[in-house]
Amino acid sequence: RALLVKGEVEEAVGSLRRAIQLAPDDANAHAELGKALSYRGDYAGALRELERAVAIEPGHREAQGYLRELRR
């Protein structure tokens, strides 16, 4: 998240992908990756990651909110 705040989107994407390799069922990592992908314009990838976050943790409010925004 700190990398996204600093505007370092590509670094954040790489870091989050590595985190997901280590912990594939980490809903927060998938949600953050979805957000990072949307920042770089990869909306299909963002939707996929956000949907994965919600599949892992159905009550994940942040992922649900980003999904609503992207689906508009």
Protein backbone atom coordinates (compact mmCIF):
# COMPACT_ATOMS: atom_id res chain seq x y z
CA ARG A 1 0.00 0.00 0.00
CA ALA A 2 2.84 2.42 0.79
CA LEU A 3 4.14 2.09 -2.77
CA LEU A 4 0.74 3.02 -4.18
CA VAL A 5 0.52 6.04 -1.91
CA LYS A 6 3.92 7.16 -3.23
CA GLY A 7 2.77 6.64 -6.83
CA GLU A 8 5.08 3.70 -7.48
CA VAL A 9 2.47 1.58 -9.22
CA GLU A 10 4.75 -0.83 -11.10
CA GLU A 11 6.75 -1.59 -7.98
CA ALA A 12 3.52 -2.16 -6.06
CA VAL A 13 2.22 -4.55 -8.72
CA GLY A 14 5.43 -6.61 -8.58
CA SER A 15 5.49 -6.67 -4.80
CA LEU A 16 1.83 -7.68 -4.57
CA ARG A 17 2.25 -10.44 -7.15
CA ARG A 18 5.13 -11.85 -5.08
CA ALA A 19 2.99 -11.63 -1.93
CA ILE A 20 0.21 -13.56 -3.66
CA GLN A 21 2.66 -16.26 -4.73
CA LEU A 22 3.56 -16.72 -1.07
CA ALA A 23 -0.01 -16.45 0.24
CA PRO A 24 -2.49 -17.10 -2.59
CA ASP A 25 -5.51 -16.83 -0.28
CA ASP A 26 -4.66 -13.37 1.07
CA ALA A 27 -7.76 -11.33 0.21
CA ASN A 28 -6.04 -8.06 1.12
CA ALA A 29 -3.18 -8.70 -1.30
CA HIS A 30 -5.63 -9.47 -4.11
CA ALA A 31 -7.63 -6.32 -3.32
CA GLU A 32 -4.51 -4.14 -3.29
CA LEU A 33 -3.28 -5.71 -6.53
CA GLY A 34 -6.67 -5.00 -8.07
CA LYS A 35 -6.39 -1.38 -7.02
CA ALA A 36 -2.84 -1.12 -8.36
CA LEU A 37 -3.83 -2.66 -11.69
CA SER A 38 -6.69 -0.19 -12.04
CA TYR A 39 -4.24 2.69 -11.45
CA ARG A 40 -2.22 1.56 -14.45
CA GLY A 41 -5.33 1.09 -16.60
CA ASP A 42 -5.54 -2.73 -16.53
CA TYR A 43 -9.23 -2.85 -15.67
CA ALA A 44 -9.73 -6.49 -16.69
CA GLY A 45 -6.88 -7.53 -14.41
CA ALA A 46 -8.21 -5.30 -11.64
CA LEU A 47 -11.67 -6.87 -11.85
CA ARG A 48 -10.18 -10.35 -11.76
CA GLU A 49 -8.13 -9.61 -8.63
CA LEU A 50 -10.96 -7.83 -6.85
CA GLU A 51 -13.36 -10.67 -7.63
CA ARG A 52 -10.77 -13.10 -6.24
CA ALA A 53 -10.51 -11.03 -3.05
CA VAL A 54 -14.28 -11.17 -2.58
CA ALA A 55 -14.35 -14.90 -3.36
CA ILE A 56 -11.78 -15.47 -0.61
CA GLU A 57 -13.41 -13.08 1.85
CA PRO A 58 -17.02 -12.25 0.88
CA GLY A 59 -17.25 -9.44 3.44
CA HIS A 60 -14.15 -7.60 2.17
CA ARG A 61 -15.61 -4.09 2.04
CA GLU A 62 -12.70 -2.41 0.29
CA ALA A 63 -12.69 -4.95 -2.54
CA GLN A 64 -16.48 -4.71 -2.84
CA GLY A 65 -16.25 -0.91 -3.07
CA TYR A 66 -13.60 -1.00 -5.80
CA LEU A 67 -15.63 -3.57 -7.71
CA ARG A 68 -18.68 -1.30 -7.64
CA GLU A 69 -16.59 1.61 -8.93
CA LEU A 70 -15.02 -0.39 -11.75
CA ARG A 71 -18.33 -1.84 -12.88
CA ARG A 72 -19.90 1.59 -13.39
